[in-house]
Amino acid sequence: MFNRNTLLILLAALAAGLGLWAAQGAFAPGGAPAPAAMPAVDPARLKAVRLFPAPRAIAPFALQQSDGSPLEPAELAGRWTVVFLGFTHCPDVCPTTLTDLSRAQKAWDNLPEARRPQVLFVSVDPERDSPEKTGEYAAYFHPATLAATAPEPALGQFATSLGMVYMKVPLEGGDYTMDHSNALVVLDPQGRQVGLIRPPLVPDDIAADLAMLAEVAP
């Protein structure tokens, strides 16, 4: 019988495959115009970010931000974005990850705002995490963190378009937790998925890599 971790890995592989298939379709000859090339950065210079061979298109999405306004692709355009899926009741991975990201964000404070990378935290637990609560949680770690969530199926579609997965896991006593992908997704200023950051996270490396990418491809 598959355990929970095995199932999550299989779902992640499936979602990543679907995302790659969609991206390949978007870039196929005879389809939409070819997108701009990947940033001209030697991958060997990057310590935290693992760039893809080619950018991957993300399906249109509509999440809800903590102030009630919609979060759509246009909201992220123009800046490099690091996306993290989590939930406010997370006991360990989420607070640790957001703490690491906050250290990177502090290192970006000296960059011009126009090319300052940003962090987007998306709650995968809309049953307990309202947009407002998600925003309060994210702001505790860094006030500049964008925060959003959405009801199903919009939330699941957003995660799948990034090649990420999550699942509700019942606990004794009627409570539950959420299993979710712990990699970070890197979006370029055109809103395309161009890479991943996998644990263990090193804040200084994340800060340096995103600053370099923002300088080369603002």
N, C-alpha and C. Protein backbone atom coordinates (compact mmCIF):
# COMPACT_ATOMS: atom_id res chain seq x y z
N MET A 1 0.86 -1.20 0.00
CA MET A 1 0.00 0.00 0.00
C MET A 1 0.89 1.24 0.00
N PHE A 2 0.52 2.24 -0.80
CA PHE A 2 1.29 3.47 -0.83
C PHE A 2 1.09 4.24 0.46
N ASN A 3 2.17 4.79 1.00
CA ASN A 3 2.00 5.69 2.13
C ASN A 3 1.75 7.09 1.60
N ARG A 4 1.54 8.01 2.53
CA ARG A 4 1.15 9.37 2.14
C ARG A 4 2.24 10.06 1.33
N ASN A 5 3.50 9.91 1.74
CA ASN A 5 4.59 10.56 1.03
C ASN A 5 4.75 10.03 -0.38
N THR A 6 4.57 8.72 -0.53
CA THR A 6 4.68 8.13 -1.86
C THR A 6 3.59 8.68 -2.78
N LEU A 7 2.38 8.77 -2.25
CA LEU A 7 1.28 9.31 -3.05
C LEU A 7 1.55 10.75 -3.44
N LEU A 8 2.09 11.53 -2.51
CA LEU A 8 2.37 12.93 -2.81
C LEU A 8 3.41 13.06 -3.90
N ILE A 9 4.44 12.20 -3.85
CA ILE A 9 5.48 12.23 -4.88
C ILE A 9 4.90 11.88 -6.24
N LEU A 10 4.02 10.85 -6.27
CA LEU A 10 3.41 10.45 -7.55
C LEU A 10 2.53 11.56 -8.10
N LEU A 11 1.78 12.21 -7.23
CA LEU A 11 0.93 13.31 -7.67
C LEU A 11 1.77 14.47 -8.18
N ALA A 12 2.90 14.72 -7.52
CA ALA A 12 3.78 15.81 -7.96
C ALA A 12 4.33 15.52 -9.34
N ALA A 13 4.72 14.27 -9.56
CA ALA A 13 5.25 13.90 -10.88
C ALA A 13 4.20 14.06 -11.95
N LEU A 14 2.97 13.65 -11.63
CA LEU A 14 1.88 13.79 -12.60
C LEU A 14 1.61 15.25 -12.91
N ALA A 15 1.55 16.08 -11.85
CA ALA A 15 1.27 17.50 -12.06
C ALA A 15 2.38 18.16 -12.86
N ALA A 16 3.63 17.80 -12.56
CA ALA A 16 4.75 18.38 -13.30
C ALA A 16 4.69 17.98 -14.76
N GLY A 17 4.31 16.71 -15.00
CA GLY A 17 4.20 16.24 -16.38
C GLY A 17 3.12 16.99 -17.14
N LEU A 18 1.99 17.22 -16.47
CA LEU A 18 0.91 17.96 -17.11
C LEU A 18 1.34 19.39 -17.39
N GLY A 19 2.06 19.99 -16.44
CA GLY A 19 2.52 21.35 -16.65
C GLY A 19 3.49 21.45 -17.81
N LEU A 20 4.40 20.47 -17.91
CA LEU A 20 5.35 20.47 -19.02
C LEU A 20 4.64 20.26 -20.34
N TRP A 21 3.65 19.36 -20.36
CA TRP A 21 2.89 19.12 -21.58
C TRP A 21 2.19 20.39 -22.03
N ALA A 22 1.60 21.11 -21.07
CA ALA A 22 0.91 22.36 -21.42
C ALA A 22 1.89 23.38 -21.96
N ALA A 23 3.06 23.46 -21.32
CA ALA A 23 4.06 24.42 -21.77
C ALA A 23 4.55 24.09 -23.17
N GLN A 24 4.79 22.81 -23.42
CA GLN A 24 5.26 22.41 -24.74
C GLN A 24 4.22 22.75 -25.80
N GLY A 25 2.95 22.57 -25.46
CA GLY A 25 1.90 22.91 -26.40
C GLY A 25 1.88 24.39 -26.70
N ALA A 26 2.15 25.19 -25.63
CA ALA A 26 2.12 26.64 -25.81
C ALA A 26 3.26 27.11 -26.71
N PHE A 27 4.38 26.37 -26.68
CA PHE A 27 5.52 26.82 -27.45
C PHE A 27 5.66 26.08 -28.78
N ALA A 28 4.71 25.23 -29.13
CA ALA A 28 4.83 24.40 -30.33
C ALA A 28 4.77 25.25 -31.58
N PRO A 29 5.44 24.82 -32.66
CA PRO A 29 5.37 25.56 -33.92
C PRO A 29 3.93 25.67 -34.40
N GLY A 30 3.58 26.82 -34.92
CA GLY A 30 2.24 27.04 -35.41
C GLY A 30 1.29 27.51 -34.34
N GLY A 31 1.76 27.56 -33.07
CA GLY A 31 0.91 28.03 -31.98
C GLY A 31 1.13 29.51 -31.76
N ALA A 32 1.14 29.90 -30.48
CA ALA A 32 1.33 31.30 -30.14
C ALA A 32 2.75 31.73 -30.49
N PRO A 33 2.99 33.02 -30.62
CA PRO A 33 4.34 33.50 -30.93
C PRO A 33 5.33 33.02 -29.87
N ALA A 34 6.55 32.74 -30.30
CA ALA A 34 7.56 32.24 -29.38
C ALA A 34 7.84 33.27 -28.30
N PRO A 35 7.91 32.85 -27.04
CA PRO A 35 8.15 33.78 -25.95
C PRO A 35 9.61 34.20 -25.92
N ALA A 36 9.90 35.23 -25.12
CA ALA A 36 11.28 35.68 -24.97
C ALA A 36 12.13 34.55 -24.39
N ALA A 37 13.42 34.61 -24.67
CA ALA A 37 14.33 33.56 -24.23
C ALA A 37 14.51 33.59 -22.72
N MET A 38 15.10 32.53 -22.20
CA MET A 38 15.44 32.48 -20.79
C MET A 38 16.50 33.53 -20.48
N PRO A 39 16.59 33.98 -19.21
CA PRO A 39 17.61 34.97 -18.86
C PRO A 39 19.01 34.46 -19.16
N ALA A 40 19.85 35.37 -19.63
CA ALA A 40 21.21 35.00 -20.01
C ALA A 40 22.10 34.92 -18.78
N VAL A 41 21.88 33.92 -17.97
CA VAL A 41 22.66 33.69 -16.76
C VAL A 41 23.25 32.30 -16.81
N ASP A 42 24.52 32.19 -16.54
CA ASP A 42 25.17 30.89 -16.49
C ASP A 42 24.60 30.12 -15.29
N PRO A 43 23.91 29.00 -15.53
CA PRO A 43 23.32 28.25 -14.42
C PRO A 43 24.33 27.89 -13.33
N ALA A 44 25.61 27.78 -13.70
CA ALA A 44 26.63 27.42 -12.73
C ALA A 44 26.84 28.52 -11.70
N ARG A 45 26.40 29.74 -12.02
CA ARG A 45 26.55 30.86 -11.08
C ARG A 45 25.44 30.89 -10.05
N LEU A 46 24.38 30.15 -10.30
CA LEU A 46 23.24 30.13 -9.39
C LEU A 46 23.39 29.02 -8.36
N LYS A 47 23.24 29.36 -7.10
CA LYS A 47 23.42 28.39 -6.02
C LYS A 47 22.11 27.80 -5.54
N ALA A 48 21.03 28.56 -5.61
CA ALA A 48 19.74 28.10 -5.08
C ALA A 48 18.73 27.81 -6.18
N VAL A 49 18.68 28.66 -7.20
CA VAL A 49 17.69 28.53 -8.27
C VAL A 49 18.17 27.53 -9.31
N ARG A 50 17.29 26.60 -9.66
CA ARG A 50 17.56 25.67 -10.74
C ARG A 50 16.69 26.06 -11.93
N LEU A 51 17.31 26.64 -12.95
CA LEU A 51 16.56 27.10 -14.11
C LEU A 51 16.17 25.93 -15.01
N PHE A 52 15.00 26.03 -15.65
CA PHE A 52 14.56 25.05 -16.63
C PHE A 52 15.26 25.32 -17.96
N PRO A 53 15.30 24.34 -18.84
CA PRO A 53 15.87 24.58 -20.18
C PRO A 53 15.07 25.61 -20.97
N ALA A 54 13.76 25.67 -20.71
CA ALA A 54 12.90 26.63 -21.41
C ALA A 54 11.80 27.08 -20.45
N PRO A 55 11.28 28.27 -20.62
CA PRO A 55 10.21 28.75 -19.74
C PRO A 55 8.93 27.96 -19.93
N ARG A 56 8.13 27.89 -18.89
CA ARG A 56 6.87 27.16 -18.93
C ARG A 56 5.71 28.14 -18.70
N ALA A 57 4.77 28.12 -19.60
CA ALA A 57 3.61 28.99 -19.47
C ALA A 57 2.74 28.54 -18.30
N ILE A 58 2.09 29.49 -17.66
CA ILE A 58 1.18 29.20 -16.56
C ILE A 58 -0.24 29.52 -17.02
N ALA A 59 -1.15 28.64 -16.72
CA ALA A 59 -2.54 28.87 -17.11
C ALA A 59 -3.10 30.10 -16.40
N PRO A 60 -4.03 30.80 -17.01
CA PRO A 60 -4.65 31.95 -16.36
C PRO A 60 -5.20 31.56 -14.99
N PHE A 61 -5.07 32.46 -14.02
CA PHE A 61 -5.55 32.16 -12.68
C PHE A 61 -6.16 33.40 -12.05
N ALA A 62 -6.95 33.19 -11.02
CA ALA A 62 -7.56 34.28 -10.27
C ALA A 62 -7.64 33.86 -8.81
N LEU A 63 -6.74 34.38 -8.00
CA LEU A 63 -6.76 34.15 -6.56
C LEU A 63 -7.29 35.40 -5.87
N GLN A 64 -7.49 35.32 -4.57
CA GLN A 64 -7.98 36.48 -3.83
C GLN A 64 -6.93 36.91 -2.82
N GLN A 65 -6.53 38.17 -2.89
CA GLN A 65 -5.53 38.70 -1.98
C GLN A 65 -6.15 39.04 -0.63
N SER A 66 -5.27 39.32 0.33
CA SER A 66 -5.73 39.55 1.70
C SER A 66 -6.61 40.79 1.83
N ASP A 67 -6.46 41.74 0.91
CA ASP A 67 -7.31 42.94 0.97
C ASP A 67 -8.60 42.77 0.18
N GLY A 68 -8.83 41.57 -0.34
CA GLY A 68 -10.05 41.29 -1.08
C GLY A 68 -9.94 41.50 -2.57
N SER A 69 -8.84 42.09 -3.03
CA SER A 69 -8.68 42.33 -4.46
C SER A 69 -8.21 41.06 -5.15
N PRO A 70 -8.51 40.91 -6.44
CA PRO A 70 -8.09 39.70 -7.15
C PRO A 70 -6.60 39.71 -7.44
N LEU A 71 -6.01 38.54 -7.39
CA LEU A 71 -4.61 38.38 -7.80
C LEU A 71 -4.62 37.61 -9.10
N GLU A 72 -4.27 38.30 -10.18
CA GLU A 72 -4.24 37.72 -11.51
C GLU A 72 -2.83 37.87 -12.08
N PRO A 73 -2.52 37.19 -13.18
CA PRO A 73 -1.16 37.24 -13.73
C PRO A 73 -0.61 38.65 -13.89
N ALA A 74 -1.44 39.60 -14.28
CA ALA A 74 -0.96 40.96 -14.50
C ALA A 74 -0.39 41.58 -13.23
N GLU A 75 -0.88 41.12 -12.07
CA GLU A 75 -0.42 41.66 -10.79
C GLU A 75 1.04 41.30 -10.52
N LEU A 76 1.52 40.23 -11.13
CA LEU A 76 2.88 39.77 -10.90
C LEU A 76 3.83 40.19 -12.00
N ALA A 77 3.31 40.75 -13.05
CA ALA A 77 4.14 41.12 -14.20
C ALA A 77 5.14 42.21 -13.82
N GLY A 78 6.32 42.11 -14.40
CA GLY A 78 7.32 43.15 -14.24
C GLY A 78 8.36 42.88 -13.16
N ARG A 79 8.13 41.86 -12.31
CA ARG A 79 9.09 41.57 -11.24
C ARG A 79 9.26 40.06 -11.10
N TRP A 80 10.43 39.66 -10.65
CA TRP A 80 10.68 38.26 -10.35
C TRP A 80 9.91 37.89 -9.09
N THR A 81 9.31 36.71 -9.10
CA THR A 81 8.45 36.29 -8.00
C THR A 81 8.82 34.88 -7.55
N VAL A 82 8.88 34.70 -6.23
CA VAL A 82 9.08 33.38 -5.64
C VAL A 82 7.75 32.97 -5.01
N VAL A 83 7.20 31.84 -5.46
CA VAL A 83 5.89 31.38 -5.00
C VAL A 83 6.07 30.20 -4.04
N PHE A 84 5.38 30.29 -2.90
CA PHE A 84 5.42 29.20 -1.92
C PHE A 84 4.00 28.83 -1.53
N LEU A 85 3.67 27.52 -1.61
CA LEU A 85 2.37 27.03 -1.18
C LEU A 85 2.48 26.52 0.25
N GLY A 86 1.51 26.90 1.09
CA GLY A 86 1.52 26.45 2.47
C GLY A 86 0.18 26.69 3.14
N PHE A 87 0.17 26.74 4.46
CA PHE A 87 -1.08 27.02 5.19
C PHE A 87 -0.73 27.50 6.59
N THR A 88 -1.63 28.26 7.20
CA THR A 88 -1.30 28.93 8.46
C THR A 88 -1.23 27.99 9.66
N HIS A 89 -1.84 26.81 9.57
CA HIS A 89 -1.78 25.85 10.68
C HIS A 89 -0.57 24.92 10.56
N CYS A 90 0.28 25.17 9.60
CA CYS A 90 1.46 24.34 9.38
C CYS A 90 2.39 24.44 10.59
N PRO A 91 2.79 23.30 11.16
CA PRO A 91 3.59 23.34 12.40
C PRO A 91 5.08 23.61 12.20
N ASP A 92 5.61 23.36 11.02
CA ASP A 92 7.07 23.46 10.90
C ASP A 92 7.56 24.01 9.56
N VAL A 93 7.25 23.32 8.46
CA VAL A 93 7.82 23.69 7.16
C VAL A 93 7.46 25.11 6.75
N CYS A 94 6.20 25.49 6.89
CA CYS A 94 5.76 26.81 6.42
C CYS A 94 6.41 27.96 7.20
N PRO A 95 6.36 27.96 8.54
CA PRO A 95 7.02 29.07 9.24
C PRO A 95 8.53 29.10 9.01
N THR A 96 9.13 27.93 8.90
CA THR A 96 10.57 27.91 8.64
C THR A 96 10.89 28.48 7.27
N THR A 97 10.10 28.08 6.27
CA THR A 97 10.33 28.57 4.90
C THR A 97 10.11 30.07 4.81
N LEU A 98 9.04 30.57 5.41
CA LEU A 98 8.76 32.00 5.34
C LEU A 98 9.80 32.80 6.12
N THR A 99 10.34 32.23 7.17
CA THR A 99 11.43 32.90 7.89
C THR A 99 12.67 32.99 7.02
N ASP A 100 12.99 31.91 6.32
CA ASP A 100 14.14 31.93 5.40
C ASP A 100 13.92 32.94 4.29
N LEU A 101 12.72 32.97 3.74
CA LEU A 101 12.43 33.91 2.66
C LEU A 101 12.48 35.35 3.16
N SER A 102 12.06 35.58 4.40
CA SER A 102 12.10 36.95 4.94
C SER A 102 13.53 37.47 5.01
N ARG A 103 14.47 36.58 5.26
CA ARG A 103 15.88 36.99 5.29
C ARG A 103 16.35 37.39 3.90
N ALA A 104 15.89 36.66 2.89
CA ALA A 104 16.21 37.05 1.52
C ALA A 104 15.56 38.39 1.18
N GLN A 105 14.31 38.56 1.59
CA GLN A 105 13.61 39.81 1.31
C GLN A 105 14.31 41.02 1.93
N LYS A 106 14.85 40.87 3.13
CA LYS A 106 15.57 41.97 3.77
C LYS A 106 16.81 42.34 2.96
N ALA A 107 17.44 41.34 2.34
CA ALA A 107 18.61 41.61 1.51
C ALA A 107 18.24 42.36 0.24
N TRP A 108 16.98 42.24 -0.20
CA TRP A 108 16.53 42.93 -1.41
C TRP A 108 16.07 44.36 -1.13
N ASP A 109 15.98 44.75 0.12
CA ASP A 109 15.45 46.07 0.46
C ASP A 109 16.25 47.20 -0.18
N ASN A 110 17.54 46.96 -0.44
CA ASN A 110 18.38 48.01 -1.02
C ASN A 110 18.27 48.08 -2.54
N LEU A 111 17.57 47.14 -3.15
CA LEU A 111 17.41 47.16 -4.61
C LEU A 111 16.32 48.15 -5.00
N PRO A 112 16.42 48.74 -6.19
CA PRO A 112 15.34 49.61 -6.67
C PRO A 112 14.02 48.84 -6.68
N GLU A 113 12.95 49.48 -6.28
CA GLU A 113 11.67 48.78 -6.18
C GLU A 113 11.26 48.14 -7.49
N ALA A 114 11.57 48.77 -8.62
CA ALA A 114 11.14 48.28 -9.92
C ALA A 114 11.71 46.90 -10.23
N ARG A 115 12.87 46.57 -9.67
CA ARG A 115 13.44 45.25 -9.94
C ARG A 115 13.68 44.46 -8.66
N ARG A 116 12.96 44.81 -7.62
CA ARG A 116 13.08 44.07 -6.37
C ARG A 116 12.24 42.80 -6.43
N PRO A 117 12.83 41.63 -6.27
CA PRO A 117 12.04 40.38 -6.29
C PRO A 117 10.97 40.40 -5.21
N GLN A 118 9.94 39.59 -5.40
CA GLN A 118 8.85 39.54 -4.43
C GLN A 118 8.50 38.10 -4.11
N VAL A 119 7.86 37.92 -2.97
CA VAL A 119 7.44 36.59 -2.50
C VAL A 119 5.93 36.54 -2.48
N LEU A 120 5.37 35.44 -2.98
CA LEU A 120 3.93 35.20 -2.95
C LEU A 120 3.66 33.93 -2.16
N PHE A 121 2.92 34.08 -1.06
CA PHE A 121 2.51 32.94 -0.25
C PHE A 121 1.05 32.62 -0.57
N VAL A 122 0.78 31.39 -0.97
CA VAL A 122 -0.58 30.97 -1.32
C VAL A 122 -1.01 29.86 -0.37
N SER A 123 -2.09 30.11 0.37
CA SER A 123 -2.60 29.08 1.28
C SER A 123 -3.38 28.02 0.51
N VAL A 124 -3.06 26.76 0.82
CA VAL A 124 -3.77 25.64 0.20
C VAL A 124 -4.84 25.09 1.14
N ASP A 125 -5.21 25.89 2.14
CA ASP A 125 -6.21 25.48 3.13
C ASP A 125 -7.30 26.54 3.25
N PRO A 126 -8.03 26.80 2.16
CA PRO A 126 -9.04 27.87 2.19
C PRO A 126 -10.17 27.61 3.17
N GLU A 127 -10.33 26.35 3.58
CA GLU A 127 -11.38 26.03 4.56
C GLU A 127 -11.14 26.74 5.90
N ARG A 128 -9.87 26.87 6.27
CA ARG A 128 -9.53 27.54 7.53
C ARG A 128 -8.85 28.89 7.32
N ASP A 129 -8.25 29.08 6.16
CA ASP A 129 -7.48 30.30 5.90
C ASP A 129 -8.24 31.22 4.97
N SER A 130 -8.86 32.24 5.53
CA SER A 130 -9.47 33.27 4.69
C SER A 130 -8.36 34.09 4.06
N PRO A 131 -8.65 34.84 3.01
CA PRO A 131 -7.61 35.70 2.43
C PRO A 131 -7.01 36.65 3.48
N GLU A 132 -7.86 37.19 4.35
CA GLU A 132 -7.37 38.11 5.37
C GLU A 132 -6.42 37.41 6.34
N LYS A 133 -6.80 36.23 6.80
CA LYS A 133 -5.95 35.49 7.73
C LYS A 133 -4.64 35.09 7.06
N THR A 134 -4.70 34.70 5.80
CA THR A 134 -3.50 34.35 5.05
C THR A 134 -2.55 35.53 4.97
N GLY A 135 -3.12 36.72 4.73
CA GLY A 135 -2.30 37.92 4.65
C GLY A 135 -1.66 38.29 5.98
N GLU A 136 -2.41 38.16 7.06
CA GLU A 136 -1.87 38.46 8.39
C GLU A 136 -0.72 37.52 8.73
N TYR A 137 -0.90 36.27 8.38
CA TYR A 137 0.13 35.27 8.66
C TYR A 137 1.40 35.58 7.88
N ALA A 138 1.27 35.86 6.59
CA ALA A 138 2.44 36.14 5.76
C ALA A 138 3.14 37.42 6.20
N ALA A 139 2.36 38.44 6.56
CA ALA A 139 2.94 39.72 6.95
C ALA A 139 3.72 39.63 8.25
N TYR A 140 3.39 38.65 9.08
CA TYR A 140 4.14 38.46 10.32
C TYR A 140 5.61 38.20 10.03
N PHE A 141 5.89 37.51 8.93
CA PHE A 141 7.27 37.18 8.58
C PHE A 141 7.94 38.31 7.82
N HIS A 142 7.20 38.94 6.90
CA HIS A 142 7.72 40.11 6.19
C HIS A 142 6.53 40.89 5.63
N PRO A 143 6.46 42.19 5.89
CA PRO A 143 5.28 42.97 5.47
C PRO A 143 5.09 43.08 3.97
N ALA A 144 6.15 42.84 3.20
CA ALA A 144 6.03 42.98 1.74
C ALA A 144 5.56 41.70 1.07
N THR A 145 5.40 40.62 1.82
CA THR A 145 4.99 39.36 1.21
C THR A 145 3.56 39.44 0.69
N LEU A 146 3.38 39.08 -0.58
CA LEU A 146 2.04 38.98 -1.14
C LEU A 146 1.39 37.70 -0.61
N ALA A 147 0.10 37.74 -0.38
CA ALA A 147 -0.60 36.57 0.15
C ALA A 147 -1.94 36.43 -0.52
N ALA A 148 -2.32 35.18 -0.81
CA ALA A 148 -3.59 34.94 -1.49
C ALA A 148 -4.02 33.50 -1.27
N THR A 149 -5.27 33.25 -1.57
CA THR A 149 -5.82 31.90 -1.60
C THR A 149 -7.02 31.93 -2.53
N ALA A 150 -7.73 30.81 -2.62
CA ALA A 150 -8.90 30.75 -3.50
C ALA A 150 -9.68 29.48 -3.16
N PRO A 151 -10.98 29.48 -3.41
CA PRO A 151 -11.74 28.24 -3.25
C PRO A 151 -11.41 27.27 -4.37
N GLU A 152 -11.80 26.03 -4.18
CA GLU A 152 -11.66 25.06 -5.26
C GLU A 152 -12.74 25.30 -6.31
N PRO A 153 -12.51 25.02 -7.58
CA PRO A 153 -11.32 24.36 -8.13
C PRO A 153 -10.20 25.31 -8.53
N ALA A 154 -10.41 26.63 -8.34
CA ALA A 154 -9.41 27.60 -8.81
C ALA A 154 -8.06 27.38 -8.14
N LEU A 155 -8.08 27.04 -6.85
CA LEU A 155 -6.82 26.84 -6.13
C LEU A 155 -6.06 25.64 -6.69
N GLY A 156 -6.76 24.53 -6.90
CA GLY A 156 -6.12 23.35 -7.44
C GLY A 156 -5.57 23.57 -8.83
N GLN A 157 -6.28 24.32 -9.64
CA GLN A 157 -5.84 24.60 -11.00
C GLN A 157 -4.56 25.44 -10.98
N PHE A 158 -4.50 26.39 -10.06
CA PHE A 158 -3.29 27.21 -9.94
C PHE A 158 -2.10 26.36 -9.55
N ALA A 159 -2.27 25.50 -8.54
CA ALA A 159 -1.17 24.64 -8.10
C ALA A 159 -0.71 23.70 -9.22
N THR A 160 -1.66 23.11 -9.92
CA THR A 160 -1.33 22.18 -10.99
C THR A 160 -0.57 22.88 -12.11
N SER A 161 -0.94 24.12 -12.40
CA SER A 161 -0.25 24.84 -13.47
C SER A 161 1.21 25.10 -13.13
N LEU A 162 1.53 25.06 -11.83
CA LEU A 162 2.91 25.24 -11.38
C LEU A 162 3.62 23.90 -11.19
N GLY A 163 2.91 22.80 -11.44
CA GLY A 163 3.49 21.48 -11.22
C GLY A 163 3.57 21.13 -9.75
N MET A 164 2.73 21.76 -8.92
CA MET A 164 2.74 21.54 -7.47
C MET A 164 1.46 20.82 -7.05
N VAL A 165 1.52 20.15 -5.89
CA VAL A 165 0.36 19.42 -5.40
C VAL A 165 0.16 19.66 -3.90
N TYR A 166 -1.03 19.37 -3.43
CA TYR A 166 -1.34 19.40 -2.01
C TYR A 166 -2.50 18.45 -1.76
N MET A 167 -2.66 18.03 -0.53
CA MET A 167 -3.76 17.12 -0.20
C MET A 167 -4.13 17.26 1.27
N LYS A 168 -5.41 17.10 1.54
CA LYS A 168 -5.92 17.15 2.91
C LYS A 168 -5.72 15.79 3.56
N VAL A 169 -5.16 15.79 4.78
CA VAL A 169 -4.85 14.54 5.48
C VAL A 169 -5.57 14.53 6.83
N PRO A 170 -6.55 13.64 7.01
CA PRO A 170 -7.29 13.58 8.28
C PRO A 170 -6.37 13.20 9.45
N LEU A 171 -6.67 13.76 10.62
CA LEU A 171 -5.97 13.44 11.85
C LEU A 171 -6.95 12.86 12.86
N GLU A 172 -6.44 12.24 13.87
CA GLU A 172 -7.30 11.71 14.92
C GLU A 172 -8.05 12.86 15.60
N GLY A 173 -9.27 12.58 15.99
CA GLY A 173 -10.08 13.58 16.66
C GLY A 173 -10.87 14.46 15.72
N GLY A 174 -10.83 14.16 14.42
CA GLY A 174 -11.63 14.93 13.46
C GLY A 174 -10.91 16.12 12.85
N ASP A 175 -9.68 16.42 13.30
CA ASP A 175 -8.93 17.53 12.72
C ASP A 175 -8.23 17.05 11.44
N TYR A 176 -7.49 17.94 10.81
CA TYR A 176 -6.76 17.56 9.61
C TYR A 176 -5.55 18.45 9.44
N THR A 177 -4.63 18.01 8.61
CA THR A 177 -3.50 18.83 8.20
C THR A 177 -3.43 18.81 6.68
N MET A 178 -2.46 19.54 6.13
CA MET A 178 -2.31 19.61 4.68
C MET A 178 -0.89 19.20 4.30
N ASP A 179 -0.79 18.22 3.42
CA ASP A 179 0.49 17.91 2.81
C ASP A 179 0.60 18.72 1.53
N HIS A 180 1.79 19.26 1.26
CA HIS A 180 1.93 20.09 0.06
C HIS A 180 3.38 20.08 -0.41
N SER A 181 3.57 20.41 -1.67
CA SER A 181 4.91 20.52 -2.22
C SER A 181 5.69 21.58 -1.44
N ASN A 182 6.96 21.30 -1.17
CA ASN A 182 7.74 22.26 -0.40
C ASN A 182 8.78 23.00 -1.23
N ALA A 183 8.80 22.75 -2.54
CA ALA A 183 9.70 23.51 -3.41
C ALA A 183 9.12 24.90 -3.63
N LEU A 184 9.98 25.84 -3.98
CA LEU A 184 9.57 27.20 -4.31
C LEU A 184 9.60 27.36 -5.82
N VAL A 185 8.60 28.00 -6.36
CA VAL A 185 8.51 28.22 -7.81
C VAL A 185 9.02 29.62 -8.13
N VAL A 186 9.84 29.71 -9.16
CA VAL A 186 10.39 31.00 -9.57
C VAL A 186 9.71 31.44 -10.86
N LEU A 187 9.10 32.62 -10.82
CA LEU A 187 8.44 33.20 -11.99
C LEU A 187 9.26 34.39 -12.48
N ASP A 188 9.39 34.54 -13.79
CA ASP A 188 10.12 35.69 -14.34
C ASP A 188 9.17 36.87 -14.50
N PRO A 189 9.66 38.04 -14.90
CA PRO A 189 8.80 39.22 -15.02
C PRO A 189 7.70 39.08 -16.07
N GLN A 190 7.78 38.07 -16.94
CA GLN A 190 6.71 37.81 -17.91
C GLN A 190 5.67 36.84 -17.34
N GLY A 191 5.83 36.45 -16.08
CA GLY A 191 4.87 35.56 -15.44
C GLY A 191 5.01 34.11 -15.83
N ARG A 192 6.18 33.72 -16.36
CA ARG A 192 6.42 32.34 -16.75
C ARG A 192 7.20 31.62 -15.67
N GLN A 193 6.94 30.34 -15.51
CA GLN A 193 7.72 29.55 -14.57
C GLN A 193 9.05 29.20 -15.23
N VAL A 194 10.13 29.64 -14.60
CA VAL A 194 11.45 29.43 -15.21
C VAL A 194 12.39 28.61 -14.33
N GLY A 195 11.96 28.28 -13.11
CA GLY A 195 12.85 27.49 -12.27
C GLY A 195 12.24 27.13 -10.94
N LEU A 196 13.01 26.40 -10.15
CA LEU A 196 12.60 25.96 -8.82
C LEU A 196 13.72 26.21 -7.82
N ILE A 197 13.32 26.33 -6.57
CA ILE A 197 14.26 26.35 -5.45
C ILE A 197 13.84 25.22 -4.53
N ARG A 198 14.73 24.27 -4.32
CA ARG A 198 14.39 23.11 -3.49
C ARG A 198 15.11 23.18 -2.15
N PRO A 199 14.48 22.64 -1.10
CA PRO A 199 15.15 22.57 0.20
C PRO A 199 16.39 21.69 0.13
N PRO A 200 17.35 21.89 1.03
CA PRO A 200 17.35 22.87 2.13
C PRO A 200 17.58 24.28 1.60
N LEU A 201 16.88 25.24 2.18
CA LEU A 201 16.95 26.62 1.72
C LEU A 201 18.10 27.35 2.41
N VAL A 202 18.82 28.13 1.61
CA VAL A 202 19.89 28.98 2.13
C VAL A 202 19.54 30.42 1.77
N PRO A 203 19.05 31.20 2.73
CA PRO A 203 18.55 32.55 2.43
C PRO A 203 19.54 33.42 1.65
N ASP A 204 20.81 33.39 2.01
CA ASP A 204 21.79 34.22 1.31
C ASP A 204 21.90 33.83 -0.16
N ASP A 205 21.83 32.53 -0.44
CA ASP A 205 21.91 32.07 -1.82
C ASP A 205 20.67 32.47 -2.61
N ILE A 206 19.50 32.35 -1.97
CA ILE A 206 18.26 32.76 -2.63
C ILE A 206 18.31 34.25 -2.95
N ALA A 207 18.74 35.05 -1.97
CA ALA A 207 18.82 36.49 -2.16
C ALA A 207 19.76 36.84 -3.31
N ALA A 208 20.93 36.21 -3.33
CA ALA A 208 21.92 36.53 -4.36
C ALA A 208 21.45 36.10 -5.75
N ASP A 209 20.86 34.92 -5.84
CA ASP A 209 20.40 34.41 -7.14
C ASP A 209 19.31 35.29 -7.73
N LEU A 210 18.31 35.64 -6.92
CA LEU A 210 17.21 36.45 -7.45
C LEU A 210 17.67 37.86 -7.78
N ALA A 211 18.60 38.40 -7.00
CA ALA A 211 19.12 39.73 -7.31
C ALA A 211 19.87 39.70 -8.64
N MET A 212 20.63 38.63 -8.88
CA MET A 212 21.35 38.49 -10.14
C MET A 212 20.38 38.37 -11.31
N LEU A 213 19.35 37.54 -11.15
CA LEU A 213 18.38 37.39 -12.22
C LEU A 213 17.65 38.69 -12.50
N ALA A 214 17.33 39.44 -11.46
CA ALA A 214 16.61 40.70 -11.64
C ALA A 214 17.48 41.74 -12.34
N GLU A 215 18.80 41.63 -12.15
CA GLU A 215 19.71 42.56 -12.81
C GLU A 215 19.90 42.23 -14.28
N VAL A 216 19.98 40.94 -14.58
CA VAL A 216 20.21 40.50 -15.96
C VAL A 216 18.94 40.60 -16.79
N ALA A 217 17.80 40.25 -16.18
CA ALA A 217 16.52 40.26 -16.90
C ALA A 217 15.48 40.98 -16.06
N PRO A 218 15.57 42.31 -15.97
CA PRO A 218 14.63 43.07 -15.12
C PRO A 218 13.23 43.10 -15.69
